């Protein structure tokens, strides 16, 4: 499955547009990771734990979008947009949400 952020694929013709497809992933961030990330935010640096969770969420969201495209008979998703959100749940609980959306197409 070809997935691109551009509205077309150079050298390929879009035979048919099949509609919008999307995928979402919401993952909980472990309390110890939250605490460690808070410390990293204060002293600076990168939070490997959050980066790993975001990467995993992105992979899940894109895979769901690809599955939806395949179910429509498509072989590519164009004009893909990824959105990231941090959701506050209750007292101190955080969830990471990634959504992927694009247009399912059939390429020649």
C-alpha atoms as a PDB file:
ATOM      1  CA  UNK A   1       0.000   0.000   0.000  1.00  0.00           C
ATOM      2  CA  UNK A   2       1.423   3.353  -1.033  1.00  0.00           C
ATOM      3  CA  UNK A   3       0.782   6.165   1.474  1.00  0.00           C
ATOM      4  CA  UNK A   4       1.828   9.719   0.583  1.00  0.00           C
ATOM      5  CA  UNK A   5       1.186  13.221   1.872  1.00  0.00           C
ATOM      6  CA  UNK A   6       1.055  14.656  -1.651  1.00  0.00           C
ATOM      7  CA  UNK A   7      -2.226  14.909  -3.616  1.00  0.00           C
ATOM      8  CA  UNK A   8      -0.855  12.687  -6.394  1.00  0.00           C
ATOM      9  CA  UNK A   9       1.920  10.210  -7.102  1.00  0.00           C
ATOM     10  CA  UNK A  10       4.518  11.336  -9.668  1.00  0.00           C
ATOM     11  CA  UNK A  11       4.578   8.983 -12.638  1.00  0.00           C
ATOM     12  CA  UNK A  12       1.296   7.287 -11.654  1.00  0.00           C
ATOM     13  CA  UNK A  13      -2.234   8.124 -12.727  1.00  0.00           C
ATOM     14  CA  UNK A  14      -5.165   8.012 -10.338  1.00  0.00           C
ATOM     15  CA  UNK A  15      -7.651   5.670 -11.986  1.00  0.00           C
ATOM     16  CA  UNK A  16     -10.392   6.091  -9.398  1.00  0.00           C
ATOM     17  CA  UNK A  17     -10.960   8.087  -6.216  1.00  0.00           C
ATOM     18  CA  UNK A  18     -12.663   5.915  -3.602  1.00  0.00           C
ATOM     19  CA  UNK A  19     -13.261   8.375  -0.771  1.00  0.00           C
ATOM     20  CA  UNK A  20     -11.845   9.515   2.526  1.00  0.00           C
ATOM     21  CA  UNK A  21     -10.275   6.960   4.860  1.00  0.00           C
ATOM     22  CA  UNK A  22      -9.002   7.380   8.389  1.00  0.00           C
ATOM     23  CA  UNK A  23      -7.461   5.600  11.322  1.00  0.00           C
ATOM     24  CA  UNK A  24      -7.119   6.531  14.956  1.00  0.00           C
ATOM     25  CA  UNK A  25      -5.064   5.325  17.885  1.00  0.00           C
ATOM     26  CA  UNK A  26      -5.356   6.348  21.510  1.00  0.00           C
ATOM     27  CA  UNK A  27      -2.702   5.006  23.827  1.00  0.00           C
ATOM     28  CA  UNK A  28      -2.284   5.469  27.544  1.00  0.00           C
ATOM     29  CA  UNK A  29       1.043   6.717  28.768  1.00  0.00           C
ATOM     30  CA  UNK A  30       2.200   4.852  31.863  1.00  0.00           C
ATOM     31  CA  UNK A  31       2.334   6.912  35.084  1.00  0.00           C
ATOM     32  CA  UNK A  32       6.083   6.324  35.489  1.00  0.00           C
ATOM     33  CA  UNK A  33       6.686   7.493  31.939  1.00  0.00           C
ATOM     34  CA  UNK A  34       4.540  10.573  32.701  1.00  0.00           C
ATOM     35  CA  UNK A  35       6.599  11.344  35.786  1.00  0.00           C
ATOM     36  CA  UNK A  36       9.888  10.857  33.939  1.00  0.00           C
ATOM     37  CA  UNK A  37       8.685  12.983  31.009  1.00  0.00           C
ATOM     38  CA  UNK A  38       7.715  15.760  33.441  1.00  0.00           C
ATOM     39  CA  UNK A  39      11.225  15.752  34.872  1.00  0.00           C
ATOM     40  CA  UNK A  40      12.698  15.825  31.361  1.00  0.00           C
ATOM     41  CA  UNK A  41      10.433  18.770  30.488  1.00  0.00           C
ATOM     42  CA  UNK A  42      11.766  20.686  33.478  1.00  0.00           C
ATOM     43  CA  UNK A  43      15.467  19.999  32.845  1.00  0.00           C
ATOM     44  CA  UNK A  44      15.238  19.840  29.059  1.00  0.00           C
ATOM     45  CA  UNK A  45      15.967  17.040  26.629  1.00  0.00           C
ATOM     46  CA  UNK A  46      13.912  14.492  24.794  1.00  0.00           C
ATOM     47  CA  UNK A  47      11.504  11.979  26.263  1.00  0.00           C
ATOM     48  CA  UNK A  48      12.264   8.642  24.602  1.00  0.00           C
ATOM     49  CA  UNK A  49       9.249   7.044  26.297  1.00  0.00           C
ATOM     50  CA  UNK A  50       6.809   9.508  24.729  1.00  0.00           C
ATOM     51  CA  UNK A  51       8.568   9.350  21.369  1.00  0.00           C
ATOM     52  CA  UNK A  52       8.201   5.557  21.366  1.00  0.00           C
ATOM     53  CA  UNK A  53       4.491   5.782  22.264  1.00  0.00           C
ATOM     54  CA  UNK A  54       3.853   8.408  19.561  1.00  0.00           C
ATOM     55  CA  UNK A  55       5.630   6.284  16.957  1.00  0.00           C
ATOM     56  CA  UNK A  56       3.559   3.237  17.956  1.00  0.00           C
ATOM     57  CA  UNK A  57       0.314   5.245  17.837  1.00  0.00           C
ATOM     58  CA  UNK A  58       1.197   6.629  14.392  1.00  0.00           C
ATOM     59  CA  UNK A  59       1.871   3.122  13.058  1.00  0.00           C
ATOM     60  CA  UNK A  60      -1.489   1.882  14.375  1.00  0.00           C
ATOM     61  CA  UNK A  61      -3.422   4.855  12.934  1.00  0.00           C
ATOM     62  CA  UNK A  62      -1.770   4.535   9.508  1.00  0.00           C
ATOM     63  CA  UNK A  63      -2.347   0.757   9.461  1.00  0.00           C
ATOM     64  CA  UNK A  64      -6.068   1.260  10.210  1.00  0.00           C
ATOM     65  CA  UNK A  65      -6.258   3.822   7.401  1.00  0.00           C
ATOM     66  CA  UNK A  66      -4.527   1.406   4.998  1.00  0.00           C
ATOM     67  CA  UNK A  67      -6.940  -1.375   5.994  1.00  0.00           C
ATOM     68  CA  UNK A  68      -9.924   0.883   5.282  1.00  0.00           C
ATOM     69  CA  UNK A  69      -8.442   1.764   1.885  1.00  0.00           C
ATOM     70  CA  UNK A  70      -7.883  -1.901   1.015  1.00  0.00           C
ATOM     71  CA  UNK A  71     -11.486  -2.715   1.996  1.00  0.00           C
ATOM     72  CA  UNK A  72     -12.619  -0.133  -0.582  1.00  0.00           C
ATOM     73  CA  UNK A  73     -10.425  -1.748  -3.262  1.00  0.00           C
ATOM     74  CA  UNK A  74      -7.737   0.917  -3.218  1.00  0.00           C
ATOM     75  CA  UNK A  75      -3.997   0.504  -3.576  1.00  0.00           C
ATOM     76  CA  UNK A  76      -2.870   3.913  -2.307  1.00  0.00           C
ATOM     77  CA  UNK A  77      -3.792   6.723   0.062  1.00  0.00           C
ATOM     78  CA  UNK A  78      -2.964  10.262  -1.053  1.00  0.00           C
ATOM     79  CA  UNK A  79      -3.110  13.642   0.701  1.00  0.00           C
ATOM     80  CA  UNK A  80      -2.453  12.014   4.079  1.00  0.00           C
ATOM     81  CA  UNK A  81      -2.628  14.219   7.164  1.00  0.00           C
ATOM     82  CA  UNK A  82      -1.440  13.139  10.622  1.00  0.00           C
ATOM     83  CA  UNK A  83      -2.736  14.869  13.738  1.00  0.00           C
ATOM     84  CA  UNK A  84      -1.371  14.435  17.262  1.00  0.00           C
ATOM     85  CA  UNK A  85      -3.160  15.279  20.499  1.00  0.00           C
ATOM     86  CA  UNK A  86      -2.482  14.835  24.180  1.00  0.00           C
ATOM     87  CA  UNK A  87      -5.684  14.152  26.106  1.00  0.00           C
ATOM     88  CA  UNK A  88      -5.959  14.876  29.817  1.00  0.00           C
ATOM     89  CA  UNK A  89      -8.017  12.174  31.533  1.00  0.00           C
ATOM     90  CA  UNK A  90      -9.023  12.835  35.137  1.00  0.00           C
ATOM     91  CA  UNK A  91      -6.382  13.757  37.707  1.00  0.00           C
ATOM     92  CA  UNK A  92      -3.000  13.559  36.026  1.00  0.00           C
ATOM     93  CA  UNK A  93      -3.790  10.831  33.508  1.00  0.00           C
ATOM     94  CA  UNK A  94      -2.635  11.403  29.949  1.00  0.00           C
ATOM     95  CA  UNK A  95      -3.602   9.678  26.738  1.00  0.00           C
ATOM     96  CA  UNK A  96      -1.885  10.109  23.386  1.00  0.00           C
ATOM     97  CA  UNK A  97      -4.089  10.300  20.307  1.00  0.00           C
ATOM     98  CA  UNK A  98      -2.953  10.100  16.713  1.00  0.00           C
ATOM     99  CA  UNK A  99      -5.320  10.320  13.780  1.00  0.00           C
ATOM    100  CA  UNK A 100      -4.438   9.703  10.151  1.00  0.00           C
ATOM    101  CA  UNK A 101      -6.709  10.623   7.266  1.00  0.00           C
ATOM    102  CA  UNK A 102      -6.396  10.736   3.512  1.00  0.00           C
ATOM    103  CA  UNK A 103      -8.060   9.872   0.225  1.00  0.00           C
ATOM    104  CA  UNK A 104      -8.214   6.254  -0.910  1.00  0.00           C
ATOM    105  CA  UNK A 105      -7.441   5.839  -4.596  1.00  0.00           C
ATOM    106  CA  UNK A 106      -6.771   3.159  -7.138  1.00  0.00           C
ATOM    107  CA  UNK A 107      -3.623   3.867  -9.139  1.00  0.00           C
ATOM    108  CA  UNK A 108      -2.964   2.540 -12.662  1.00  0.00           C
END
